[in-house]
């Protein structure tokens, strides 16, 4: 899965769960994951999984 596909999936998850936030890059994504209020949210784990896929994909190159 490519970088753009991962960000699209993250944004779909957020939209489906009522977030108006849009993740456009790694900086937005790390901000979301580091925000304490988001760590208690039910979508946090799914977004974290996608983040891990993103990081592992970069590391493979």
Protein backbone atom coordinates (compact mmCIF):
# COMPACT_ATOMS: atom_id res chain seq x y z
CA UNK A 1 0.00 0.00 0.00
CA UNK A 2 1.35 3.40 -0.95
CA UNK A 3 1.64 6.56 1.08
CA UNK A 4 -1.37 8.26 -0.52
CA UNK A 5 -3.55 5.17 -0.03
CA UNK A 6 -2.68 5.07 3.67
CA UNK A 7 -3.58 8.74 4.13
CA UNK A 8 -6.83 8.18 2.23
CA UNK A 9 -7.71 5.27 4.53
CA UNK A 10 -6.88 7.32 7.62
CA UNK A 11 -9.09 10.15 6.40
CA UNK A 12 -11.91 7.69 5.64
CA UNK A 13 -11.69 6.29 9.18
CA UNK A 14 -11.75 9.78 10.67
CA UNK A 15 -14.67 10.89 8.48
CA UNK A 16 -16.70 7.76 9.30
CA UNK A 17 -16.25 8.51 13.00
CA UNK A 18 -17.30 12.16 12.87
CA UNK A 19 -13.93 13.85 12.70
CA UNK A 20 -13.68 16.96 10.57
CA UNK A 21 -9.89 16.74 10.71
CA UNK A 22 -8.03 15.82 7.56
CA UNK A 23 -4.59 14.18 7.68
CA UNK A 24 -2.48 15.42 4.76
CA UNK A 25 0.99 14.35 5.78
CA UNK A 26 3.23 12.80 8.36
CA UNK A 27 3.26 15.95 10.48
CA UNK A 28 -0.56 15.95 10.75
CA UNK A 29 -0.55 12.24 11.51
CA UNK A 30 2.04 12.45 14.30
CA UNK A 31 0.18 15.42 15.79
CA UNK A 32 -3.03 13.38 15.86
CA UNK A 33 -1.28 10.39 17.45
CA UNK A 34 0.51 12.53 20.05
CA UNK A 35 -2.64 14.39 21.10
CA UNK A 36 -3.73 12.93 24.45
CA UNK A 37 -7.44 13.46 23.86
CA UNK A 38 -7.25 11.32 20.72
CA UNK A 39 -5.48 8.41 22.44
CA UNK A 40 -8.70 7.53 24.28
CA UNK A 41 -10.74 7.54 21.09
CA UNK A 42 -11.95 4.34 19.45
CA UNK A 43 -10.39 5.25 16.08
CA UNK A 44 -6.94 5.85 17.58
CA UNK A 45 -5.92 2.17 17.34
CA UNK A 46 -6.91 1.92 13.68
CA UNK A 47 -5.09 5.14 12.80
CA UNK A 48 -2.06 3.89 14.74
CA UNK A 49 -2.08 0.64 12.71
CA UNK A 50 -2.10 2.62 9.48
CA UNK A 51 0.70 4.83 10.80
CA UNK A 52 2.76 1.72 11.54
CA UNK A 53 2.18 0.49 7.99
CA UNK A 54 3.30 3.86 6.68
CA UNK A 55 6.50 3.80 8.74
CA UNK A 56 7.31 0.19 7.91
CA UNK A 57 6.79 0.93 4.22
CA UNK A 58 9.28 3.78 4.36
CA UNK A 59 11.74 1.62 6.29
CA UNK A 60 11.61 -1.10 3.66
CA UNK A 61 13.10 1.22 1.03
